Amino acid sequence: MRKLTQSSDRILRRVQRQAQERAQELARRVPWQVLLETRNQYLAWQEFYYWARSILDCEEHLPGWLKQRLEEMCPGFIASETDRSQRHAGDARLAVSLGKWIDEHIFAFAAQAGWLPAVTFYAVRDPRYGKVSRYWSESTKNWREVRPREYPVLADWVRDAQLCDETIDLLPEFGKQRECLKLVRPERLAEAVSRYIDLEAFAYWARPVLEQGLASAPEVVRAVEECCAGFTAFNLSPSRGRGQFASGWDHLMRWIADNLFQEATDEGWFDAILISAHMHPRSIRTMEYADHCEEVWKGQLPVPYPPFRAWREDADRYVEAHSF
């Protein structure tokens, strides 16, 4: 049984890795800003979808007021459902059709361009999605047992959904990893994630110099000293001359975590920063651009070395030309 479980785990990890690689490949077709905005829009529509579905799953017929809301939000959807049986919640096909309609009409621009799977990949891994998915399950169960006198409006339902524990539906291993997200307010986490992504980008920019252990780009050394005061002195190797780094990018990232995010570490939610940052389109695109630069540079530092601001702007504009 243990061997079977280990085999299943390996298969699951391989499938997840392949799905992530495919999503990243598709995501590189568009600027990360477009991907992020579309993901956020998709999450908002999923909130609407699960709210409507929670009601559809409990009603034998489509309520008139919900029909009106669907016609407002999804013009043409109800008219397209010509089969009367699809209007019954017991059939459950109306809810399925709604989800499909949203993908095909609201996000037709992404579907037709081929990168909608990247949007859905990142959306369903967002805690916001997990909460509404879980709350839909809870709402349906509770409302079937005791029919509410009045269903909540969308805004109230979404607000209550954000209090849900989305880790319940995850595999134990993944649920445990995401426990740290409960230790920090979303607003505070978002601010920390933004700061971490900025510092991570800076570290990527400096990585070629750090990993070569060279002082041939003194402007990079000065920038590191200004941005991460104390790292250079800590990281200098006595056996090498001034300006030579003993370790590379990994060492700098550990220093950033230990010195610039100490409060999050002490309070136990630094991993929440890592989880959120490493699923953020800007962080992923910056990593990909850094890899692209090193491939183009072929181990030789460009002269002059690009200023960080210019490098960051290029990273933000980076897409794979052959994807179009």
C-alpha atoms as a PDB file:
ATOM      1  CA  MET A   1       0.000   0.000   0.000  1.00  0.00           C
ATOM      2  CA  ARG A   2       2.848   2.367   0.820  1.00  0.00           C
ATOM      3  CA  LYS A   3       4.512   1.678  -2.538  1.00  0.00           C
ATOM      4  CA  LEU A   4       1.191   2.367  -4.261  1.00  0.00           C
ATOM      5  CA  THR A   5       0.841   5.659  -2.394  1.00  0.00           C
ATOM      6  CA  GLN A   6       4.390   6.702  -3.275  1.00  0.00           C
ATOM      7  CA  SER A   7       3.763   5.844  -6.918  1.00  0.00           C
ATOM      8  CA  SER A   8       0.548   7.887  -6.917  1.00  0.00           C
ATOM      9  CA  ASP A   9       2.383  10.809  -5.340  1.00  0.00           C
ATOM     10  CA  ARG A  10       5.064  10.680  -8.027  1.00  0.00           C
ATOM     11  CA  ILE A  11       2.440  10.604 -10.770  1.00  0.00           C
ATOM     12  CA  LEU A  12       0.577  13.522  -9.192  1.00  0.00           C
ATOM     13  CA  ARG A  13       3.750  15.576  -8.904  1.00  0.00           C
ATOM     14  CA  ARG A  14       4.690  14.826 -12.503  1.00  0.00           C
ATOM     15  CA  VAL A  15       1.240  15.831 -13.748  1.00  0.00           C
ATOM     16  CA  GLN A  16       1.350  19.031 -11.692  1.00  0.00           C
ATOM     17  CA  ARG A  17       4.824  19.856 -12.977  1.00  0.00           C
ATOM     18  CA  GLN A  18       3.744  19.289 -16.580  1.00  0.00           C
ATOM     19  CA  ALA A  19       0.653  21.438 -16.054  1.00  0.00           C
ATOM     20  CA  GLN A  20       2.752  24.244 -14.603  1.00  0.00           C
ATOM     21  CA  GLU A  21       5.273  24.088 -17.429  1.00  0.00           C
ATOM     22  CA  ARG A  22       2.462  24.205 -19.985  1.00  0.00           C
ATOM     23  CA  ALA A  23       0.809  27.132 -18.200  1.00  0.00           C
ATOM     24  CA  GLN A  24       4.079  29.060 -18.105  1.00  0.00           C
ATOM     25  CA  GLU A  25       4.637  28.358 -21.791  1.00  0.00           C
ATOM     26  CA  LEU A  26       1.204  29.741 -22.672  1.00  0.00           C
ATOM     27  CA  ALA A  27       1.578  32.660 -20.267  1.00  0.00           C
ATOM     28  CA  ARG A  28       4.669  33.891 -22.086  1.00  0.00           C
ATOM     29  CA  ARG A  29       2.452  34.783 -25.043  1.00  0.00           C
ATOM     30  CA  VAL A  30       1.235  37.935 -23.291  1.00  0.00           C
ATOM     31  CA  PRO A  31       2.688  40.611 -21.011  1.00  0.00           C
ATOM     32  CA  TRP A  32       2.481  39.611 -17.377  1.00  0.00           C
ATOM     33  CA  GLN A  33       0.323  42.672 -16.634  1.00  0.00           C
ATOM     34  CA  VAL A  34      -2.335  41.399 -19.044  1.00  0.00           C
ATOM     35  CA  LEU A  35      -2.142  37.926 -17.547  1.00  0.00           C
ATOM     36  CA  LEU A  36      -2.496  39.261 -13.996  1.00  0.00           C
ATOM     37  CA  GLU A  37      -5.446  41.507 -14.854  1.00  0.00           C
ATOM     38  CA  THR A  38      -7.176  38.683 -16.712  1.00  0.00           C
ATOM     39  CA  ARG A  39      -6.581  36.308 -13.814  1.00  0.00           C
ATOM     40  CA  ASN A  40      -8.144  38.805 -11.402  1.00  0.00           C
ATOM     41  CA  GLN A  41     -11.130  39.242 -13.720  1.00  0.00           C
ATOM     42  CA  TYR A  42     -11.453  35.479 -13.966  1.00  0.00           C
ATOM     43  CA  LEU A  43     -11.491  35.185 -10.183  1.00  0.00           C
ATOM     44  CA  ALA A  44     -14.256  37.786  -9.974  1.00  0.00           C
ATOM     45  CA  TRP A  45     -16.319  35.864 -12.519  1.00  0.00           C
ATOM     46  CA  GLN A  46     -15.711  32.632 -10.628  1.00  0.00           C
ATOM     47  CA  GLU A  47     -17.133  34.301  -7.539  1.00  0.00           C
ATOM     48  CA  PHE A  48     -20.233  35.178  -9.526  1.00  0.00           C
ATOM     49  CA  TYR A  49     -20.392  31.670 -10.996  1.00  0.00           C
ATOM     50  CA  TYR A  50     -20.160  29.871  -7.635  1.00  0.00           C
ATOM     51  CA  TRP A  51     -22.668  32.233  -6.030  1.00  0.00           C
ATOM     52  CA  ALA A  52     -25.165  31.565  -8.817  1.00  0.00           C
ATOM     53  CA  ARG A  53     -24.390  27.864  -8.785  1.00  0.00           C
ATOM     54  CA  SER A  54     -24.984  27.578  -5.052  1.00  0.00           C
ATOM     55  CA  ILE A  55     -28.517  28.857  -5.643  1.00  0.00           C
ATOM     56  CA  LEU A  56     -29.112  26.801  -8.782  1.00  0.00           C
ATOM     57  CA  ASP A  57     -28.069  23.661  -6.927  1.00  0.00           C
ATOM     58  CA  CYS A  58     -30.759  24.273  -4.304  1.00  0.00           C
ATOM     59  CA  GLU A  59     -33.685  25.412  -6.435  1.00  0.00           C
ATOM     60  CA  GLU A  60     -35.890  23.163  -8.535  1.00  0.00           C
ATOM     61  CA  HIS A  61     -36.551  26.004 -10.962  1.00  0.00           C
ATOM     62  CA  LEU A  62     -34.575  29.045 -11.972  1.00  0.00           C
ATOM     63  CA  PRO A  63     -35.844  31.908  -9.747  1.00  0.00           C
ATOM     64  CA  GLY A  64     -37.048  34.935 -11.704  1.00  0.00           C
ATOM     65  CA  TRP A  65     -34.740  37.342  -9.895  1.00  0.00           C
ATOM     66  CA  LEU A  66     -31.701  35.127 -10.582  1.00  0.00           C
ATOM     67  CA  LYS A  67     -32.747  34.770 -14.214  1.00  0.00           C
ATOM     68  CA  GLN A  68     -32.796  38.562 -14.475  1.00  0.00           C
ATOM     69  CA  ARG A  69     -29.337  38.822 -12.902  1.00  0.00           C
ATOM     70  CA  LEU A  70     -27.973  36.185 -15.275  1.00  0.00           C
ATOM     71  CA  GLU A  71     -29.417  38.074 -18.249  1.00  0.00           C
ATOM     72  CA  GLU A  72     -27.762  41.272 -16.991  1.00  0.00           C
ATOM     73  CA  MET A  73     -24.366  39.694 -16.396  1.00  0.00           C
ATOM     74  CA  CYS A  74     -24.421  37.151 -19.221  1.00  0.00           C
ATOM     75  CA  PRO A  75     -26.583  38.557 -22.033  1.00  0.00           C
ATOM     76  CA  GLY A  76     -27.645  35.776 -24.352  1.00  0.00           C
ATOM     77  CA  PHE A  77     -26.898  32.955 -21.942  1.00  0.00           C
ATOM     78  CA  ILE A  78     -30.475  32.169 -20.931  1.00  0.00           C
ATOM     79  CA  ALA A  79     -31.669  32.446 -24.521  1.00  0.00           C
ATOM     80  CA  SER A  80     -29.026  29.944 -25.555  1.00  0.00           C
ATOM     81  CA  GLU A  81     -30.413  27.390 -23.112  1.00  0.00           C
ATOM     82  CA  THR A  82     -33.245  26.177 -25.302  1.00  0.00           C
ATOM     83  CA  ASP A  83     -33.653  22.847 -23.522  1.00  0.00           C
ATOM     84  CA  ARG A  84     -36.132  23.514 -20.701  1.00  0.00           C
ATOM     85  CA  SER A  85     -34.702  20.667 -18.626  1.00  0.00           C
ATOM     86  CA  GLN A  86     -31.451  22.599 -18.380  1.00  0.00           C
ATOM     87  CA  ARG A  87     -33.298  25.237 -16.399  1.00  0.00           C
ATOM     88  CA  HIS A  88     -33.815  22.834 -13.511  1.00  0.00           C
ATOM     89  CA  ALA A  89     -31.259  22.705 -10.741  1.00  0.00           C
ATOM     90  CA  GLY A  90     -31.850  19.009 -10.272  1.00  0.00           C
ATOM     91  CA  ASP A  91     -30.407  18.524 -13.742  1.00  0.00           C
ATOM     92  CA  ALA A  92     -27.384  20.625 -12.766  1.00  0.00           C
ATOM     93  CA  ARG A  93     -26.543  21.244 -16.420  1.00  0.00           C
ATOM     94  CA  LEU A  94     -27.475  24.920 -16.278  1.00  0.00           C
ATOM     95  CA  ALA A  95     -24.667  25.601 -13.815  1.00  0.00           C
ATOM     96  CA  VAL A  96     -22.208  23.655 -15.961  1.00  0.00           C
ATOM     97  CA  SER A  97     -23.366  25.574 -19.016  1.00  0.00           C
ATOM     98  CA  LEU A  98     -22.885  28.857 -17.165  1.00  0.00           C
ATOM     99  CA  GLY A  99     -19.250  28.088 -16.424  1.00  0.00           C
ATOM    100  CA  LYS A 100     -18.653  27.127 -20.036  1.00  0.00           C
ATOM    101  CA  TRP A 101     -20.452  30.235 -21.299  1.00  0.00           C
ATOM    102  CA  ILE A 102     -18.267  32.489 -19.155  1.00  0.00           C
ATOM    103  CA  ASP A 103     -15.096  30.920 -20.546  1.00  0.00           C
ATOM    104  CA  GLU A 104     -16.309  31.076 -24.143  1.00  0.00           C
ATOM    105  CA  HIS A 105     -17.793  34.585 -24.090  1.00  0.00           C
ATOM    106  CA  ILE A 106     -16.298  36.705 -21.313  1.00  0.00           C
ATOM    107  CA  PHE A 107     -12.813  35.294 -21.877  1.00  0.00           C
ATOM    108  CA  ALA A 108     -13.093  34.602 -25.574  1.00  0.00           C
ATOM    109  CA  PHE A 109     -10.110  36.889 -26.252  1.00  0.00           C
ATOM    110  CA  ALA A 110      -7.838  34.674 -24.145  1.00  0.00           C
ATOM    111  CA  ALA A 111      -9.376  31.413 -25.336  1.00  0.00           C
ATOM    112  CA  GLN A 112      -9.009  32.318 -28.996  1.00  0.00           C
ATOM    113  CA  ALA A 113      -5.401  33.429 -28.466  1.00  0.00           C
ATOM    114  CA  GLY A 114      -4.679  30.111 -26.746  1.00  0.00           C
ATOM    115  CA  TRP A 115      -3.607  31.317 -23.298  1.00  0.00           C
ATOM    116  CA  LEU A 116      -6.821  30.881 -21.282  1.00  0.00           C
ATOM    117  CA  PRO A 117      -5.424  27.644 -19.728  1.00  0.00           C
ATOM    118  CA  ALA A 118      -2.644  29.762 -18.212  1.00  0.00           C
ATOM    119  CA  VAL A 119      -5.252  32.063 -16.665  1.00  0.00           C
ATOM    120  CA  THR A 120      -7.226  29.184 -15.183  1.00  0.00           C
ATOM    121  CA  PHE A 121      -4.054  27.458 -13.948  1.00  0.00           C
ATOM    122  CA  TYR A 122      -3.019  30.447 -11.843  1.00  0.00           C
ATOM    123  CA  ALA A 123      -6.576  31.363 -10.849  1.00  0.00           C
ATOM    124  CA  VAL A 124      -7.526  28.013  -9.338  1.00  0.00           C
ATOM    125  CA  ARG A 125      -4.353  28.043  -7.238  1.00  0.00           C
ATOM    126  CA  ASP A 126      -5.203  31.398  -5.719  1.00  0.00           C
ATOM    127  CA  PRO A 127      -6.636  31.236  -2.162  1.00  0.00           C
ATOM    128  CA  ARG A 128      -9.461  33.469  -3.339  1.00  0.00           C
ATOM    129  CA  TYR A 129     -10.647  30.732  -5.701  1.00  0.00           C
ATOM    130  CA  GLY A 130     -10.249  28.029  -3.084  1.00  0.00           C
ATOM    131  CA  LYS A 131     -12.398  29.969  -0.642  1.00  0.00           C
ATOM    132  CA  VAL A 132     -15.349  30.483  -3.002  1.00  0.00           C
ATOM    133  CA  SER A 133     -15.128  26.899  -4.218  1.00  0.00           C
ATOM    134  CA  ARG A 134     -15.233  25.652  -0.640  1.00  0.00           C
ATOM    135  CA  TYR A 135     -17.987  28.062   0.355  1.00  0.00           C
ATOM    136  CA  TRP A 136     -20.130  26.955  -2.591  1.00  0.00           C
ATOM    137  CA  SER A 137     -19.915  23.409  -1.242  1.00  0.00           C
ATOM    138  CA  GLU A 138     -20.820  24.546   2.267  1.00  0.00           C
ATOM    139  CA  SER A 139     -23.639  26.829   1.099  1.00  0.00           C
ATOM    140  CA  THR A 140     -25.205  24.115  -1.029  1.00  0.00           C
ATOM    141  CA  LYS A 141     -25.087  21.603   1.822  1.00  0.00           C
ATOM    142  CA  ASN A 142     -26.543  24.028   4.381  1.00  0.00           C
ATOM    143  CA  TRP A 143     -29.243  25.414   2.104  1.00  0.00           C
ATOM    144  CA  ARG A 144     -30.432  21.990   1.071  1.00  0.00           C
ATOM    145  CA  GLU A 145     -30.895  21.113   4.723  1.00  0.00           C
ATOM    146  CA  VAL A 146     -32.542  24.407   5.668  1.00  0.00           C
ATOM    147  CA  ARG A 147     -33.783  26.566   2.794  1.00  0.00           C
ATOM    148  CA  PRO A 148     -32.927  30.221   3.554  1.00  0.00           C
ATOM    149  CA  ARG A 149     -35.775  32.696   3.702  1.00  0.00           C
ATOM    150  CA  GLU A 150     -33.721  34.885   1.376  1.00  0.00           C
ATOM    151  CA  TYR A 151     -30.533  34.140  -0.531  1.00  0.00           C
ATOM    152  CA  PRO A 152     -27.590  36.496   0.073  1.00  0.00           C
ATOM    153  CA  VAL A 153     -26.654  38.989  -2.597  1.00  0.00           C
ATOM    154  CA  LEU A 154     -23.387  38.380  -4.408  1.00  0.00           C
ATOM    155  CA  ALA A 155     -21.325  40.897  -2.394  1.00  0.00           C
ATOM    156  CA  ASP A 156     -22.418  39.417   0.941  1.00  0.00           C
ATOM    157  CA  TRP A 157     -21.837  35.862  -0.252  1.00  0.00           C
ATOM    158  CA  VAL A 158     -18.310  36.689  -1.461  1.00  0.00           C
ATOM    159  CA  ARG A 159     -17.526  38.472   1.805  1.00  0.00           C
ATOM    160  CA  ASP A 160     -18.563  35.434   3.824  1.00  0.00           C
ATOM    161  CA  ALA A 161     -16.667  33.132   1.456  1.00  0.00           C
ATOM    162  CA  GLN A 162     -13.407  34.894   2.308  1.00  0.00           C
ATOM    163  CA  LEU A 163     -13.763  33.607   5.880  1.00  0.00           C
ATOM    164  CA  CYS A 164     -13.736  30.035   4.605  1.00  0.00           C
ATOM    165  CA  ASP A 165     -10.836  27.635   5.137  1.00  0.00           C
ATOM    166  CA  GLU A 166      -9.828  26.636   1.623  1.00  0.00           C
ATOM    167  CA  THR A 167      -7.148  24.210   2.852  1.00  0.00           C
ATOM    168  CA  ILE A 168      -9.814  21.653   3.845  1.00  0.00           C
ATOM    169  CA  ASP A 169     -10.166  20.481   0.251  1.00  0.00           C
ATOM    170  CA  LEU A 170      -6.415  20.178  -0.358  1.00  0.00           C
ATOM    171  CA  LEU A 171      -4.294  17.102   0.046  1.00  0.00           C
ATOM    172  CA  PRO A 172      -2.822  17.028   3.581  1.00  0.00           C
ATOM    173  CA  GLU A 173       0.672  17.884   2.355  1.00  0.00           C
ATOM    174  CA  PHE A 174      -0.478  20.937   0.412  1.00  0.00           C
ATOM    175  CA  GLY A 175      -2.942  21.971   3.075  1.00  0.00           C
ATOM    176  CA  LYS A 176      -0.175  22.022   5.665  1.00  0.00           C
ATOM    177  CA  GLN A 177       2.030  24.107   3.385  1.00  0.00           C
ATOM    178  CA  ARG A 178      -0.691  26.738   3.045  1.00  0.00           C
ATOM    179  CA  GLU A 179      -1.490  26.994   6.746  1.00  0.00           C
ATOM    180  CA  CYS A 180       0.909  29.937   6.893  1.00  0.00           C
ATOM    181  CA  LEU A 181      -1.496  31.999   4.779  1.00  0.00           C
ATOM    182  CA  LYS A 182      -3.860  32.132   7.745  1.00  0.00           C
ATOM    183  CA  LEU A 183      -1.290  33.912   9.903  1.00  0.00           C
ATOM    184  CA  VAL A 184      -1.342  37.247   8.093  1.00  0.00           C
ATOM    185  CA  ARG A 185      -3.981  39.662   6.848  1.00  0.00           C
ATOM    186  CA  PRO A 186      -4.356  39.694   3.043  1.00  0.00           C
ATOM    187  CA  GLU A 187      -3.477  43.404   2.819  1.00  0.00           C
ATOM    188  CA  ARG A 188      -0.298  42.963   4.819  1.00  0.00           C
ATOM    189  CA  LEU A 189       0.664  39.900   2.808  1.00  0.00           C
ATOM    190  CA  ALA A 190       0.079  41.689  -0.510  1.00  0.00           C
ATOM    191  CA  GLU A 191       2.382  44.534   0.573  1.00  0.00           C
ATOM    192  CA  ALA A 192       5.102  42.099   1.642  1.00  0.00           C
ATOM    193  CA  VAL A 193       4.775  40.086  -1.579  1.00  0.00           C
ATOM    194  CA  SER A 194       5.155  43.223  -3.692  1.00  0.00           C
ATOM    195  CA  ARG A 195       8.309  44.197  -1.790  1.00  0.00           C
ATOM    196  CA  TYR A 196       9.699  40.676  -2.050  1.00  0.00           C
ATOM    197  CA  ILE A 197       9.115  40.572  -5.829  1.00  0.00           C
ATOM    198  CA  ASP A 198      10.987  43.874  -6.165  1.00  0.00           C
ATOM    199  CA  LEU A 199      13.959  42.551  -4.207  1.00  0.00           C
ATOM    200  CA  GLU A 200      13.877  39.243  -6.032  1.00  0.00           C
ATOM    201  CA  ALA A 201      14.037  41.113  -9.347  1.00  0.00           C
ATOM    202  CA  PHE A 202      17.026  43.079  -8.070  1.00  0.00           C
ATOM    203  CA  ALA A 203      18.732  39.830  -7.124  1.00  0.00           C
ATOM    204  CA  TYR A 204      18.043  38.363 -10.572  1.00  0.00           C
ATOM    205  CA  TRP A 205      19.570  41.457 -12.150  1.00  0.00           C
ATOM    206  CA  ALA A 206      22.701  41.058 -10.038  1.00  0.00           C
ATOM    207  CA  ARG A 207      22.859  37.260 -10.399  1.00  0.00           C
ATOM    208  CA  PRO A 208      25.314  37.017 -13.329  1.00  0.00           C
ATOM    209  CA  VAL A 209      27.856  39.115 -11.445  1.00  0.00           C
ATOM    210  CA  LEU A 210      27.289  37.337  -8.145  1.00  0.00           C
ATOM    211  CA  GLU A 211      27.570  33.861  -9.601  1.00  0.00           C
ATOM    212  CA  GLN A 212      30.718  34.643 -11.563  1.00  0.00           C
ATOM    213  CA  GLY A 213      32.332  35.999  -8.427  1.00  0.00           C
ATOM    214  CA  LEU A 214      33.700  38.951 -10.379  1.00  0.00           C
ATOM    215  CA  ALA A 215      34.135  42.602  -9.565  1.00  0.00           C
ATOM    216  CA  SER A 216      34.120  43.539 -13.248  1.00  0.00           C
ATOM    217  CA  ALA A 217      30.798  45.329 -12.791  1.00  0.00           C
ATOM    218  CA  PRO A 218      31.472  47.736  -9.909  1.00  0.00           C
ATOM    219  CA  GLU A 219      28.128  49.461 -10.519  1.00  0.00           C
ATOM    220  CA  VAL A 220      26.416  46.204  -9.540  1.00  0.00           C
ATOM    221  CA  VAL A 221      28.529  45.897  -6.395  1.00  0.00           C
ATOM    222  CA  ARG A 222      27.626  49.476  -5.429  1.00  0.00           C
ATOM    223  CA  ALA A 223      23.942  48.839  -6.092  1.00  0.00           C
ATOM    224  CA  VAL A 224      24.007  45.711  -3.926  1.00  0.00           C
ATOM    225  CA  GLU A 225      25.686  47.647  -1.126  1.00  0.00           C
ATOM    226  CA  GLU A 226      23.024  50.372  -1.337  1.00  0.00           C
ATOM    227  CA  CYS A 227      20.024  48.044  -1.608  1.00  0.00           C
ATOM    228  CA  CYS A 228      21.186  45.379   0.831  1.00  0.00           C
ATOM    229  CA  ALA A 229      23.438  47.220   3.252  1.00  0.00           C
ATOM    230  CA  GLY A 230      25.461  44.645   5.132  1.00  0.00           C
ATOM    231  CA  PHE A 231      25.297  41.869   2.554  1.00  0.00           C
ATOM    232  CA  THR A 232      28.588  42.734   0.861  1.00  0.00           C
ATOM    233  CA  ALA A 233      30.550  42.759   4.111  1.00  0.00           C
ATOM    234  CA  PHE A 234      28.869  39.556   5.227  1.00  0.00           C
ATOM    235  CA  ASN A 235      29.486  37.845   1.907  1.00  0.00           C
ATOM    236  CA  LEU A 236      33.074  38.905   1.227  1.00  0.00           C
ATOM    237  CA  SER A 237      35.615  36.134   1.080  1.00  0.00           C
ATOM    238  CA  PRO A 238      38.865  37.008   2.905  1.00  0.00           C
ATOM    239  CA  SER A 239      40.809  34.969   0.344  1.00  0.00           C
ATOM    240  CA  ARG A 240      39.602  37.137  -2.507  1.00  0.00           C
ATOM    241  CA  GLY A 241      40.059  40.774  -3.199  1.00  0.00           C
ATOM    242  CA  ARG A 242      37.582  43.478  -2.313  1.00  0.00           C
ATOM    243  CA  GLY A 243      34.473  43.304  -4.453  1.00  0.00           C
ATOM    244  CA  GLN A 244      34.638  39.524  -4.887  1.00  0.00           C
ATOM    245  CA  PHE A 245      31.556  37.604  -3.754  1.00  0.00           C
ATOM    246  CA  ALA A 246      31.945  34.277  -1.971  1.00  0.00           C
ATOM    247  CA  SER A 247      28.499  33.029  -2.969  1.00  0.00           C
ATOM    248  CA  GLY A 248      25.864  33.860  -5.521  1.00  0.00           C
ATOM    249  CA  TRP A 249      22.198  34.521  -6.007  1.00  0.00           C
ATOM    250  CA  ASP A 250      20.939  31.913  -3.535  1.00  0.00           C
ATOM    251  CA  HIS A 251      23.059  33.462  -0.814  1.00  0.00           C
ATOM    252  CA  LEU A 252      21.687  36.926  -1.535  1.00  0.00           C
ATOM    253  CA  MET A 253      18.101  35.664  -1.449  1.00  0.00           C
ATOM    254  CA  ARG A 254      18.718  33.986   1.903  1.00  0.00           C
ATOM    255  CA  TRP A 255      20.234  37.223   3.204  1.00  0.00           C
ATOM    256  CA  ILE A 256      17.182  39.188   2.004  1.00  0.00           C
ATOM    257  CA  ALA A 257      14.850  36.746   3.749  1.00  0.00           C
ATOM    258  CA  ASP A 258      16.807  36.791   7.004  1.00  0.00           C
ATOM    259  CA  ASN A 259      17.400  40.534   7.161  1.00  0.00           C
ATOM    260  CA  LEU A 260      14.567  42.275   5.321  1.00  0.00           C
ATOM    261  CA  PHE A 261      11.671  39.977   6.216  1.00  0.00           C
ATOM    262  CA  GLN A 262      12.623  39.083   9.760  1.00  0.00           C
ATOM    263  CA  GLU A 263       9.228  40.084  11.152  1.00  0.00           C
ATOM    264  CA  ALA A 264       7.403  37.726   8.801  1.00  0.00           C
ATOM    265  CA  THR A 265       9.847  34.963   9.723  1.00  0.00           C
ATOM    266  CA  ASP A 266       9.421  35.552  13.452  1.00  0.00           C
ATOM    267  CA  GLU A 267       5.633  35.533  13.108  1.00  0.00           C
ATOM    268  CA  GLY A 268       5.686  32.356  11.025  1.00  0.00           C
ATOM    269  CA  TRP A 269       4.284  33.615   7.718  1.00  0.00           C
ATOM    270  CA  PHE A 270       7.371  34.143   5.562  1.00  0.00           C
ATOM    271  CA  ASP A 271       6.454  30.997   3.592  1.00  0.00           C
ATOM    272  CA  ALA A 272       3.179  32.735   2.712  1.00  0.00           C
ATOM    273  CA  ILE A 273       5.260  35.373   0.939  1.00  0.00           C
ATOM    274  CA  LEU A 274       7.144  32.707  -1.005  1.00  0.00           C
ATOM    275  CA  ILE A 275       3.964  30.846  -1.985  1.00  0.00           C
ATOM    276  CA  SER A 276       2.266  34.029  -3.179  1.00  0.00           C
ATOM    277  CA  ALA A 277       5.296  35.509  -4.915  1.00  0.00           C
ATOM    278  CA  HIS A 278       6.226  32.355  -6.788  1.00  0.00           C
ATOM    279  CA  MET A 279       2.716  32.126  -8.252  1.00  0.00           C
ATOM    280  CA  HIS A 280       2.684  35.805  -9.256  1.00  0.00           C
ATOM    281  CA  PRO A 281       2.970  36.427 -13.015  1.00  0.00           C
ATOM    282  CA  ARG A 282       5.484  39.239 -12.530  1.00  0.00           C
ATOM    283  CA  SER A 283       7.800  37.104 -10.425  1.00  0.00           C
ATOM    284  CA  ILE A 284       7.629  34.232 -12.904  1.00  0.00           C
ATOM    285  CA  ARG A 285       8.205  36.522 -15.902  1.00  0.00           C
ATOM    286  CA  THR A 286      11.189  38.180 -14.202  1.00  0.00           C
ATOM    287  CA  MET A 287      12.758  34.780 -13.580  1.00  0.00           C
ATOM    288  CA  GLU A 288      12.194  33.837 -17.214  1.00  0.00           C
ATOM    289  CA  TYR A 289      13.716  37.094 -18.435  1.00  0.00           C
ATOM    290  CA  ALA A 290      16.759  36.586 -16.220  1.00  0.00           C
ATOM    291  CA  ASP A 291      17.247  33.126 -17.723  1.00  0.00           C
ATOM    292  CA  HIS A 292      16.801  34.631 -21.193  1.00  0.00           C
ATOM    293  CA  CYS A 293      19.502  37.234 -20.523  1.00  0.00           C
ATOM    294  CA  GLU A 294      22.006  34.652 -19.356  1.00  0.00           C
ATOM    295  CA  GLU A 295      21.283  32.545 -22.427  1.00  0.00           C
ATOM    296  CA  VAL A 296      21.860  35.529 -24.711  1.00  0.00           C
ATOM    297  CA  TRP A 297      24.945  36.714 -22.825  1.00  0.00           C
ATOM    298  CA  LYS A 298      26.474  33.205 -22.933  1.00  0.00           C
ATOM    299  CA  GLY A 299      28.445  33.665 -19.750  1.00  0.00           C
ATOM    300  CA  GLN A 300      29.906  37.049 -20.740  1.00  0.00           C
ATOM    301  CA  LEU A 301      28.841  40.119 -18.803  1.00  0.00           C
ATOM    302  CA  PRO A 302      27.626  42.883 -21.131  1.00  0.00           C
ATOM    303  CA  VAL A 303      29.605  46.094 -21.168  1.00  0.00           C
ATOM    304  CA  PRO A 304      28.224  48.366 -19.956  1.00  0.00           C
ATOM    305  CA  TYR A 305      26.092  46.335 -17.600  1.00  0.00           C
ATOM    306  CA  PRO A 306      22.425  47.442 -17.918  1.00  0.00           C
ATOM    307  CA  PRO A 307      21.124  49.638 -15.079  1.00  0.00           C
ATOM    308  CA  PHE A 308      18.613  47.859 -12.886  1.00  0.00           C
ATOM    309  CA  ARG A 309      15.739  50.164 -13.791  1.00  0.00           C
ATOM    310  CA  ALA A 310      16.240  49.583 -17.527  1.00  0.00           C
ATOM    311  CA  TRP A 311      16.650  45.833 -16.967  1.00  0.00           C
ATOM    312  CA  ARG A 312      13.439  45.721 -14.929  1.00  0.00           C
ATOM    313  CA  GLU A 313      11.512  47.595 -17.591  1.00  0.00           C
ATOM    314  CA  ASP A 314      12.743  45.140 -20.212  1.00  0.00           C
ATOM    315  CA  ALA A 315      11.734  42.257 -17.952  1.00  0.00           C
ATOM    316  CA  ASP A 316       8.233  43.701 -17.594  1.00  0.00           C
ATOM    317  CA  ARG A 317       7.915  43.911 -21.384  1.00  0.00           C
ATOM    318  CA  TYR A 318       9.350  40.460 -22.028  1.00  0.00           C
ATOM    319  CA  VAL A 319       7.302  37.992 -24.072  1.00  0.00           C
ATOM    320  CA  GLU A 320       8.409  35.129 -26.275  1.00  0.00           C
ATOM    321  CA  ALA A 321       8.298  36.423 -29.827  1.00  0.00           C
ATOM    322  CA  HIS A 322       7.860  32.962 -31.338  1.00  0.00           C
ATOM    323  CA  SER A 323       4.652  32.482 -29.339  1.00  0.00           C
ATOM    324  CA  PHE A 324       2.724  34.738 -31.702  1.00  0.00           C
END
